[in-house]
N, C-alpha and C. Protein backbone atom coordinates (compact mmCIF):
# COMPACT_ATOMS: atom_id res chain seq x y z
N MET A 1 0.88 -1.22 0.01
CA MET A 1 0.07 0.04 0.01
C MET A 1 0.86 1.28 -0.04
N ARG A 2 0.55 2.21 -0.85
CA ARG A 2 1.26 3.47 -0.93
C ARG A 2 1.08 4.34 0.29
N ASP A 3 2.17 4.96 0.80
CA ASP A 3 2.12 5.86 1.92
C ASP A 3 1.37 7.13 1.50
N PRO A 4 0.25 7.48 2.02
CA PRO A 4 -0.49 8.61 1.52
C PRO A 4 0.11 10.04 1.92
N ARG A 5 1.10 10.05 2.74
CA ARG A 5 1.79 11.31 3.10
C ARG A 5 2.58 11.87 1.99
N PRO A 6 2.58 13.15 1.89
CA PRO A 6 3.32 13.77 0.75
C PRO A 6 4.86 13.63 0.94
N LYS A 7 5.50 13.57 -0.15
CA LYS A 7 6.98 13.64 -0.06
C LYS A 7 7.32 15.03 -0.45
N PRO A 8 8.55 15.49 0.15
CA PRO A 8 8.93 16.77 -0.08
C PRO A 8 9.06 17.21 -1.58
N ASP A 9 9.17 16.30 -2.50
CA ASP A 9 9.33 16.62 -3.86
C ASP A 9 7.99 16.65 -4.72
N ASP A 10 6.88 16.46 -3.92
CA ASP A 10 5.55 16.34 -4.49
C ASP A 10 5.07 17.79 -5.17
N SER A 11 5.90 18.78 -5.00
CA SER A 11 5.69 20.06 -5.52
C SER A 11 4.31 20.58 -5.12
N LEU A 12 3.66 21.33 -6.19
CA LEU A 12 2.44 22.06 -5.80
C LEU A 12 1.20 21.13 -5.60
N MET A 13 1.34 19.87 -5.93
CA MET A 13 0.24 19.00 -5.88
C MET A 13 -0.34 18.92 -4.38
N ILE A 14 0.43 19.11 -3.33
CA ILE A 14 0.00 19.25 -2.02
C ILE A 14 -0.38 20.45 -1.41
N PHE A 15 -0.34 21.50 -2.32
CA PHE A 15 -0.62 22.85 -1.81
C PHE A 15 -2.18 22.99 -1.80
N THR A 16 -2.62 23.78 -0.83
CA THR A 16 -4.23 24.11 -0.81
C THR A 16 -4.33 24.96 -2.00
N ASP A 17 -5.61 25.20 -2.28
CA ASP A 17 -6.00 26.10 -3.42
C ASP A 17 -5.51 27.47 -3.15
N ARG A 18 -5.51 27.92 -1.84
CA ARG A 18 -5.07 29.29 -1.50
C ARG A 18 -3.57 29.39 -1.73
N ALA A 19 -2.78 28.40 -1.23
CA ALA A 19 -1.39 28.33 -1.35
C ALA A 19 -1.00 28.33 -2.93
N ARG A 20 -1.75 27.59 -3.71
CA ARG A 20 -1.45 27.54 -5.11
C ARG A 20 -1.75 28.92 -5.76
N LEU A 21 -2.82 29.58 -5.25
CA LEU A 21 -3.02 30.95 -5.72
C LEU A 21 -1.92 31.90 -5.38
N VAL A 22 -1.37 31.80 -4.21
CA VAL A 22 -0.25 32.61 -3.80
C VAL A 22 0.87 32.49 -4.75
N VAL A 23 1.17 31.24 -5.09
CA VAL A 23 2.30 30.98 -5.91
C VAL A 23 2.00 31.44 -7.37
N SER A 24 0.73 31.23 -7.86
CA SER A 24 0.38 31.76 -9.16
C SER A 24 0.44 33.26 -9.26
N LEU A 25 -0.06 33.91 -8.17
CA LEU A 25 0.05 35.37 -8.16
C LEU A 25 1.54 35.80 -8.15
N ALA A 26 2.35 35.13 -7.50
CA ALA A 26 3.76 35.35 -7.37
C ALA A 26 4.37 35.36 -8.75
N LYS A 27 4.02 34.27 -9.47
CA LYS A 27 4.56 34.09 -10.88
C LYS A 27 3.93 35.17 -11.74
N GLN A 28 2.73 35.59 -11.58
CA GLN A 28 2.11 36.72 -12.37
C GLN A 28 2.88 38.05 -12.06
N PHE A 29 3.14 38.33 -10.70
CA PHE A 29 3.86 39.52 -10.48
C PHE A 29 5.22 39.54 -11.12
N ALA A 30 5.94 38.30 -11.08
CA ALA A 30 7.26 38.28 -11.67
C ALA A 30 7.17 38.55 -13.15
N THR A 31 6.13 37.97 -13.79
CA THR A 31 5.97 38.10 -15.23
C THR A 31 5.62 39.60 -15.56
N ASP A 32 4.68 40.23 -14.81
CA ASP A 32 4.28 41.57 -15.06
C ASP A 32 5.46 42.52 -15.02
N TYR A 33 6.43 42.25 -14.19
CA TYR A 33 7.66 43.19 -14.10
C TYR A 33 8.83 42.49 -14.70
N TRP A 34 8.79 41.64 -15.60
CA TRP A 34 9.91 41.11 -16.36
C TRP A 34 10.96 40.44 -15.53
N SER A 35 10.61 40.03 -14.41
CA SER A 35 11.58 39.30 -13.50
C SER A 35 12.06 38.08 -14.31
N ARG A 36 13.21 37.61 -13.98
CA ARG A 36 13.79 36.47 -14.57
C ARG A 36 13.35 35.25 -13.82
N GLU A 37 13.05 35.49 -12.53
CA GLU A 37 12.57 34.27 -11.65
C GLU A 37 11.65 34.76 -10.57
N ILE A 38 10.98 33.92 -9.95
CA ILE A 38 10.20 34.22 -8.86
C ILE A 38 10.97 34.34 -7.55
N ALA A 39 10.87 35.44 -6.86
CA ALA A 39 11.64 35.72 -5.62
C ALA A 39 10.72 35.59 -4.45
N PRO A 40 11.30 35.46 -3.16
CA PRO A 40 10.48 35.46 -2.05
C PRO A 40 9.55 36.68 -1.94
N GLU A 41 10.05 37.81 -2.49
CA GLU A 41 9.28 39.00 -2.41
C GLU A 41 7.92 38.93 -3.23
N HIS A 42 8.04 38.18 -4.27
CA HIS A 42 6.77 37.92 -5.12
C HIS A 42 5.86 37.09 -4.21
N ILE A 43 6.35 36.13 -3.63
CA ILE A 43 5.54 35.29 -2.72
C ILE A 43 4.88 36.10 -1.67
N LEU A 44 5.72 36.92 -0.96
CA LEU A 44 5.14 37.74 0.11
C LEU A 44 4.08 38.66 -0.45
N ARG A 45 4.13 39.25 -1.65
CA ARG A 45 3.12 40.00 -2.26
C ARG A 45 1.88 39.17 -2.51
N GLY A 46 2.08 37.96 -2.95
CA GLY A 46 1.00 37.05 -3.17
C GLY A 46 0.25 36.82 -1.89
N LEU A 47 1.01 36.48 -0.78
CA LEU A 47 0.35 36.34 0.49
C LEU A 47 -0.46 37.51 0.89
N ALA A 48 0.13 38.73 0.64
CA ALA A 48 -0.51 39.97 1.10
C ALA A 48 -1.90 40.16 0.41
N CYS A 49 -1.92 39.78 -0.93
CA CYS A 49 -3.08 39.86 -1.71
C CYS A 49 -4.08 38.84 -1.45
N VAL A 50 -3.73 37.62 -1.06
CA VAL A 50 -4.68 36.60 -0.83
C VAL A 50 -5.34 36.59 0.57
N GLY A 51 -4.59 36.97 1.58
CA GLY A 51 -5.08 37.04 2.91
C GLY A 51 -5.00 35.74 3.57
N GLY A 52 -6.12 35.12 3.76
CA GLY A 52 -6.26 33.73 4.31
C GLY A 52 -5.66 33.70 5.72
N ARG A 53 -5.23 32.55 6.20
CA ARG A 53 -4.70 32.30 7.46
C ARG A 53 -3.44 33.16 7.70
N SER A 54 -2.56 33.19 6.68
CA SER A 54 -1.34 34.03 6.83
C SER A 54 -1.76 35.48 7.01
N GLY A 55 -2.80 35.92 6.38
CA GLY A 55 -3.28 37.27 6.53
C GLY A 55 -3.85 37.56 7.91
N GLU A 56 -4.53 36.54 8.53
CA GLU A 56 -5.06 36.70 9.92
C GLU A 56 -3.82 36.75 10.79
N ILE A 57 -2.85 35.99 10.64
CA ILE A 57 -1.57 35.98 11.47
C ILE A 57 -0.91 37.38 11.45
N LEU A 58 -0.72 37.84 10.15
CA LEU A 58 -0.06 39.13 9.99
C LEU A 58 -0.81 40.25 10.70
N ASP A 59 -2.23 40.14 10.42
CA ASP A 59 -3.01 41.11 10.97
C ASP A 59 -3.05 41.13 12.47
N GLY A 60 -2.94 39.97 13.05
CA GLY A 60 -2.79 39.80 14.48
C GLY A 60 -1.43 40.43 15.01
N LEU A 61 -0.51 40.46 14.10
CA LEU A 61 0.92 40.91 14.48
C LEU A 61 0.98 42.44 14.15
N GLY A 62 -0.17 42.99 13.78
CA GLY A 62 -0.17 44.52 13.60
C GLY A 62 -0.02 45.01 12.07
N PHE A 63 -0.08 43.96 11.17
CA PHE A 63 0.07 44.44 9.81
C PHE A 63 -1.31 44.82 9.22
N ASP A 64 -1.20 45.86 8.41
CA ASP A 64 -2.49 46.20 7.63
C ASP A 64 -2.15 45.68 6.23
N LEU A 65 -2.97 44.65 5.86
CA LEU A 65 -2.65 44.01 4.50
C LEU A 65 -2.79 44.90 3.41
N VAL A 66 -3.68 45.87 3.50
CA VAL A 66 -3.90 46.90 2.43
C VAL A 66 -2.64 47.74 2.18
N ARG A 67 -1.94 48.08 3.32
CA ARG A 67 -0.71 48.85 3.21
C ARG A 67 0.49 47.94 2.86
N LEU A 68 0.30 46.62 3.13
CA LEU A 68 1.47 45.72 2.97
C LEU A 68 1.90 45.56 1.51
N VAL A 69 0.88 45.59 0.60
CA VAL A 69 1.24 45.35 -0.77
C VAL A 69 2.12 46.43 -1.33
N PRO A 70 1.82 47.79 -1.17
CA PRO A 70 2.69 48.82 -1.70
C PRO A 70 4.12 48.77 -0.92
N GLN A 71 4.09 48.32 0.40
CA GLN A 71 5.31 48.26 1.08
C GLN A 71 6.25 47.13 0.54
N VAL A 72 5.60 46.10 0.14
CA VAL A 72 6.34 44.96 -0.49
C VAL A 72 7.04 45.40 -1.76
N LEU A 73 6.31 46.24 -2.58
CA LEU A 73 6.89 46.80 -3.83
C LEU A 73 8.17 47.61 -3.57
N GLU A 74 8.31 48.21 -2.37
CA GLU A 74 9.48 48.95 -2.11
C GLU A 74 10.71 48.13 -1.87
N LEU A 75 10.50 46.77 -1.74
CA LEU A 75 11.63 45.85 -1.60
C LEU A 75 12.41 45.64 -2.80
N PHE A 76 11.73 46.01 -3.96
CA PHE A 76 12.32 45.78 -5.34
C PHE A 76 13.20 46.97 -5.68
N PRO A 77 14.24 46.80 -6.37
CA PRO A 77 14.89 47.95 -6.94
C PRO A 77 14.08 48.58 -8.05
N PRO A 78 14.21 49.92 -8.22
CA PRO A 78 13.34 50.50 -9.18
C PRO A 78 13.36 49.88 -10.55
N GLU A 79 14.51 49.31 -11.00
CA GLU A 79 14.65 48.79 -12.36
C GLU A 79 13.85 47.41 -12.42
N ALA A 80 13.55 46.82 -11.32
CA ALA A 80 12.83 45.62 -11.21
C ALA A 80 11.37 45.79 -11.36
N LEU A 81 10.86 47.03 -11.24
CA LEU A 81 9.54 47.34 -11.30
C LEU A 81 9.03 48.02 -12.52
N ARG A 82 9.74 47.90 -13.57
CA ARG A 82 9.24 48.54 -14.90
C ARG A 82 8.32 47.55 -15.51
N PRO A 83 7.12 47.85 -15.70
CA PRO A 83 6.14 46.96 -16.35
C PRO A 83 6.50 46.59 -17.73
N HIS A 84 5.91 45.43 -18.14
CA HIS A 84 6.14 44.97 -19.51
C HIS A 84 5.52 45.97 -20.41
N PRO A 85 6.21 46.36 -21.58
CA PRO A 85 5.78 47.39 -22.45
C PRO A 85 4.50 47.04 -23.18
N LEU A 86 4.20 45.75 -23.39
CA LEU A 86 3.13 45.28 -24.17
C LEU A 86 1.93 44.80 -23.32
N PRO A 87 0.71 45.04 -23.73
CA PRO A 87 -0.38 44.50 -22.87
C PRO A 87 -0.27 42.98 -23.08
N LYS A 88 -0.87 42.28 -22.08
CA LYS A 88 -0.86 40.80 -22.11
C LYS A 88 -1.35 40.19 -23.39
N GLU A 89 -2.41 40.72 -23.90
CA GLU A 89 -3.00 40.18 -25.08
C GLU A 89 -2.15 40.29 -26.31
N LEU A 90 -1.20 41.19 -26.36
CA LEU A 90 -0.25 41.41 -27.41
C LEU A 90 1.07 40.71 -27.42
N ARG A 91 1.25 40.11 -26.21
CA ARG A 91 2.52 39.29 -26.01
C ARG A 91 2.54 38.01 -26.83
N SER A 92 3.50 37.70 -27.58
CA SER A 92 3.49 36.52 -28.34
C SER A 92 3.38 35.26 -27.50
N ARG A 93 4.17 35.11 -26.46
CA ARG A 93 4.02 34.01 -25.57
C ARG A 93 4.50 34.44 -24.17
N PRO A 94 3.97 33.94 -23.15
CA PRO A 94 4.37 34.29 -21.89
C PRO A 94 5.87 33.83 -21.58
N PRO A 95 6.66 34.62 -20.91
CA PRO A 95 8.00 34.16 -20.70
C PRO A 95 8.03 33.02 -19.70
N ARG A 96 9.01 32.24 -19.83
CA ARG A 96 9.14 31.07 -18.80
C ARG A 96 9.78 31.60 -17.60
N ILE A 97 9.04 31.54 -16.50
CA ILE A 97 9.65 32.10 -15.33
C ILE A 97 9.71 30.88 -14.27
N GLU A 98 10.90 30.73 -13.73
CA GLU A 98 11.10 29.67 -12.88
C GLU A 98 11.23 30.25 -11.40
N LEU A 99 11.13 29.37 -10.44
CA LEU A 99 11.35 29.76 -9.03
C LEU A 99 12.82 30.00 -8.91
N GLY A 100 13.22 31.12 -8.26
CA GLY A 100 14.55 31.42 -7.92
C GLY A 100 14.98 30.44 -6.75
N SER A 101 16.26 30.30 -6.65
CA SER A 101 16.78 29.32 -5.68
C SER A 101 16.30 29.56 -4.24
N VAL A 102 16.26 30.83 -3.84
CA VAL A 102 15.71 31.15 -2.44
C VAL A 102 14.20 30.87 -2.38
N ALA A 103 13.49 31.27 -3.37
CA ALA A 103 12.06 31.04 -3.33
C ALA A 103 11.81 29.41 -3.35
N LYS A 104 12.54 28.75 -4.05
CA LYS A 104 12.39 27.26 -4.04
C LYS A 104 12.69 26.73 -2.66
N GLU A 105 13.81 27.29 -2.02
CA GLU A 105 14.09 26.84 -0.58
C GLU A 105 12.97 27.14 0.33
N CYS A 106 12.39 28.41 0.12
CA CYS A 106 11.29 28.82 0.95
C CYS A 106 10.01 27.82 0.77
N LEU A 107 9.72 27.40 -0.41
CA LEU A 107 8.54 26.52 -0.69
C LEU A 107 8.93 25.15 -0.07
N GLN A 108 10.16 24.72 -0.09
CA GLN A 108 10.56 23.43 0.45
C GLN A 108 10.42 23.52 2.00
N ALA A 109 10.82 24.57 2.56
CA ALA A 109 10.69 24.90 3.92
C ALA A 109 9.23 24.93 4.38
N ALA A 110 8.42 25.48 3.64
CA ALA A 110 6.96 25.47 3.88
C ALA A 110 6.42 24.00 3.92
N ASN A 111 6.92 23.24 2.92
CA ASN A 111 6.50 21.78 2.98
C ASN A 111 7.01 21.10 4.25
N ARG A 112 8.25 21.38 4.63
CA ARG A 112 8.72 20.73 5.86
C ARG A 112 7.90 21.25 7.10
N ALA A 113 7.52 22.52 7.11
CA ALA A 113 6.74 23.00 8.19
C ALA A 113 5.37 22.34 8.21
N ALA A 114 4.76 22.07 7.07
CA ALA A 114 3.44 21.38 7.08
C ALA A 114 3.70 19.91 7.65
N MET A 115 4.76 19.32 7.19
CA MET A 115 4.99 17.98 7.65
C MET A 115 5.19 17.96 9.22
N GLU A 116 5.94 18.98 9.67
CA GLU A 116 6.14 19.12 11.17
C GLU A 116 4.86 19.32 11.91
N PHE A 117 3.85 19.97 11.34
CA PHE A 117 2.57 20.04 11.93
C PHE A 117 1.71 18.91 11.71
N ASN A 118 2.25 17.90 11.15
CA ASN A 118 1.51 16.61 10.80
C ASN A 118 0.28 16.76 9.98
N VAL A 119 0.34 17.72 9.03
CA VAL A 119 -0.76 17.86 8.09
C VAL A 119 -0.23 17.48 6.67
N HIS A 120 -1.11 17.06 5.84
CA HIS A 120 -0.76 16.53 4.55
C HIS A 120 -0.97 17.51 3.43
N TYR A 121 -0.84 18.75 3.75
CA TYR A 121 -0.96 19.77 2.70
C TYR A 121 -0.14 20.94 3.08
N VAL A 122 0.23 21.80 2.16
CA VAL A 122 0.92 23.13 2.47
C VAL A 122 -0.11 24.25 2.29
N ALA A 123 -0.38 25.02 3.38
CA ALA A 123 -1.37 26.03 3.26
C ALA A 123 -0.58 27.38 3.32
N ASP A 124 -1.31 28.48 3.10
CA ASP A 124 -0.69 29.77 3.08
C ASP A 124 0.10 30.17 4.35
N ASP A 125 -0.33 29.75 5.50
CA ASP A 125 0.42 30.01 6.66
C ASP A 125 1.78 29.20 6.69
N HIS A 126 1.83 28.08 6.07
CA HIS A 126 3.12 27.40 5.93
C HIS A 126 3.99 28.10 5.03
N LEU A 127 3.44 28.79 3.99
CA LEU A 127 4.28 29.61 3.01
C LEU A 127 4.91 30.76 3.80
N LEU A 128 4.13 31.32 4.76
CA LEU A 128 4.64 32.38 5.56
C LEU A 128 5.89 31.97 6.35
N LEU A 129 5.69 30.70 6.97
CA LEU A 129 6.81 30.13 7.80
C LEU A 129 8.03 29.85 6.87
N GLY A 130 7.70 29.38 5.66
CA GLY A 130 8.81 29.17 4.69
C GLY A 130 9.55 30.31 4.30
N LEU A 131 8.84 31.45 4.21
CA LEU A 131 9.47 32.78 3.86
C LEU A 131 10.47 33.20 4.98
N LEU A 132 10.06 32.92 6.18
CA LEU A 132 10.86 33.34 7.27
C LEU A 132 12.06 32.40 7.61
N SER A 133 12.06 31.34 6.91
CA SER A 133 13.08 30.24 7.05
C SER A 133 14.42 30.67 6.45
N TYR A 134 14.38 31.50 5.40
CA TYR A 134 15.56 31.86 4.62
C TYR A 134 15.81 33.34 4.45
N LYS A 135 17.05 33.71 4.55
CA LYS A 135 17.37 35.13 4.41
C LYS A 135 17.07 35.66 3.09
N SER A 136 16.24 36.73 3.11
CA SER A 136 15.88 37.44 1.82
C SER A 136 15.39 38.75 2.19
N PRO A 137 15.25 39.66 1.18
CA PRO A 137 14.58 41.01 1.47
C PRO A 137 13.16 40.75 1.97
N ALA A 138 12.47 39.76 1.69
CA ALA A 138 11.06 39.44 2.27
C ALA A 138 11.19 39.16 3.70
N SER A 139 12.12 38.22 4.09
CA SER A 139 12.23 37.83 5.48
C SER A 139 12.76 39.02 6.33
N ASP A 140 13.76 39.73 5.75
CA ASP A 140 14.31 40.91 6.43
C ASP A 140 13.18 41.91 6.74
N PHE A 141 12.26 42.17 5.74
CA PHE A 141 11.27 43.10 5.86
C PHE A 141 10.31 42.69 6.90
N LEU A 142 9.94 41.43 6.98
CA LEU A 142 9.06 40.96 8.07
C LEU A 142 9.66 41.03 9.50
N GLN A 143 10.90 40.52 9.50
CA GLN A 143 11.62 40.46 10.78
C GLN A 143 11.91 41.92 11.28
N SER A 144 12.11 42.87 10.44
CA SER A 144 12.34 44.23 10.90
C SER A 144 11.13 44.88 11.48
N ARG A 145 10.02 44.27 11.18
CA ARG A 145 8.70 44.65 11.73
C ARG A 145 8.20 43.77 12.82
N GLY A 146 9.07 42.90 13.35
CA GLY A 146 8.71 42.13 14.50
C GLY A 146 8.02 40.79 14.29
N VAL A 147 8.03 40.45 12.92
CA VAL A 147 7.44 39.13 12.55
C VAL A 147 8.59 38.08 12.48
N THR A 148 8.60 37.23 13.48
CA THR A 148 9.56 36.16 13.49
C THR A 148 8.98 34.77 13.24
N PHE A 149 9.84 33.90 12.88
CA PHE A 149 9.51 32.51 12.67
C PHE A 149 8.77 31.95 13.94
N GLU A 150 9.31 32.24 15.03
CA GLU A 150 8.72 31.60 16.29
C GLU A 150 7.35 32.23 16.51
N LEU A 151 7.06 33.50 16.32
CA LEU A 151 5.79 34.17 16.54
C LEU A 151 4.75 33.53 15.51
N VAL A 152 5.15 33.34 14.28
CA VAL A 152 4.24 32.84 13.26
C VAL A 152 3.99 31.35 13.53
N LYS A 153 5.01 30.64 13.97
CA LYS A 153 4.85 29.20 14.36
C LYS A 153 3.87 29.10 15.47
N ASP A 154 3.96 29.92 16.55
CA ASP A 154 3.03 29.92 17.64
C ASP A 154 1.59 30.27 17.25
N ALA A 155 1.48 31.11 16.23
CA ALA A 155 0.13 31.48 15.77
C ALA A 155 -0.44 30.32 14.91
N VAL A 156 0.31 29.63 14.16
CA VAL A 156 -0.17 28.50 13.45
C VAL A 156 -0.62 27.34 14.48
N VAL A 157 0.15 27.09 15.43
CA VAL A 157 -0.27 26.15 16.51
C VAL A 157 -1.57 26.56 17.12
N HIS A 158 -1.73 27.91 17.40
CA HIS A 158 -2.96 28.37 18.00
C HIS A 158 -4.18 28.04 17.08
N TYR A 159 -3.98 28.42 15.77
CA TYR A 159 -5.17 28.08 14.87
C TYR A 159 -5.43 26.67 14.68
N GLN A 160 -4.36 25.84 14.72
CA GLN A 160 -4.53 24.43 14.54
C GLN A 160 -5.35 23.89 15.76
N LEU A 161 -5.00 24.36 17.00
CA LEU A 161 -5.69 23.90 18.16
C LEU A 161 -7.17 24.34 18.20
N ARG A 162 -7.41 25.58 17.67
CA ARG A 162 -8.67 26.19 17.58
C ARG A 162 -9.55 25.37 16.61
N ASP A 163 -8.90 25.07 15.47
CA ASP A 163 -9.65 24.42 14.40
C ASP A 163 -9.96 22.87 14.92
N ALA A 164 -8.98 22.27 15.69
CA ALA A 164 -9.28 20.90 16.13
C ALA A 164 -10.34 20.89 17.23
N SER A 165 -10.48 21.95 17.99
CA SER A 165 -11.44 22.00 19.16
C SER A 165 -12.87 22.27 18.62
N GLY A 166 -12.98 22.60 17.35
CA GLY A 166 -14.34 22.84 16.81
C GLY A 166 -14.61 24.20 16.42
């Protein structure tokens, strides 16, 4: 019989719909601004736009998600924010955008966090933990505002216990 638990290399198949949306938005943000790869900052922007459990956690830590999106844009150098010159419908084919090495490590850390919590899926709150697991402008931004891995992990535990109790 096959072990139903996900393996770390199962990629996005084990992501919740919301977590997939975050990654999809991150890819779209990277595409819109001609980035060569998806960076943790794109993932953070996706988290800010989607809200969800990670939004509840950030809100509980004093973040205003509406203000977070423009603040995340400040993490990028100005040359990284020049929009694509052609509207989407006139582009011949979308550029192939891959996950950058740090973003990939963040997603793998999110997968490990989910496994540590003994759940068989990666949710948006696990993505937030993954972002805080590796040094990047996104993690520096969060940590400089008091959002630490430990605080987010405690919040995830709180929500898990609340959900389990009904």
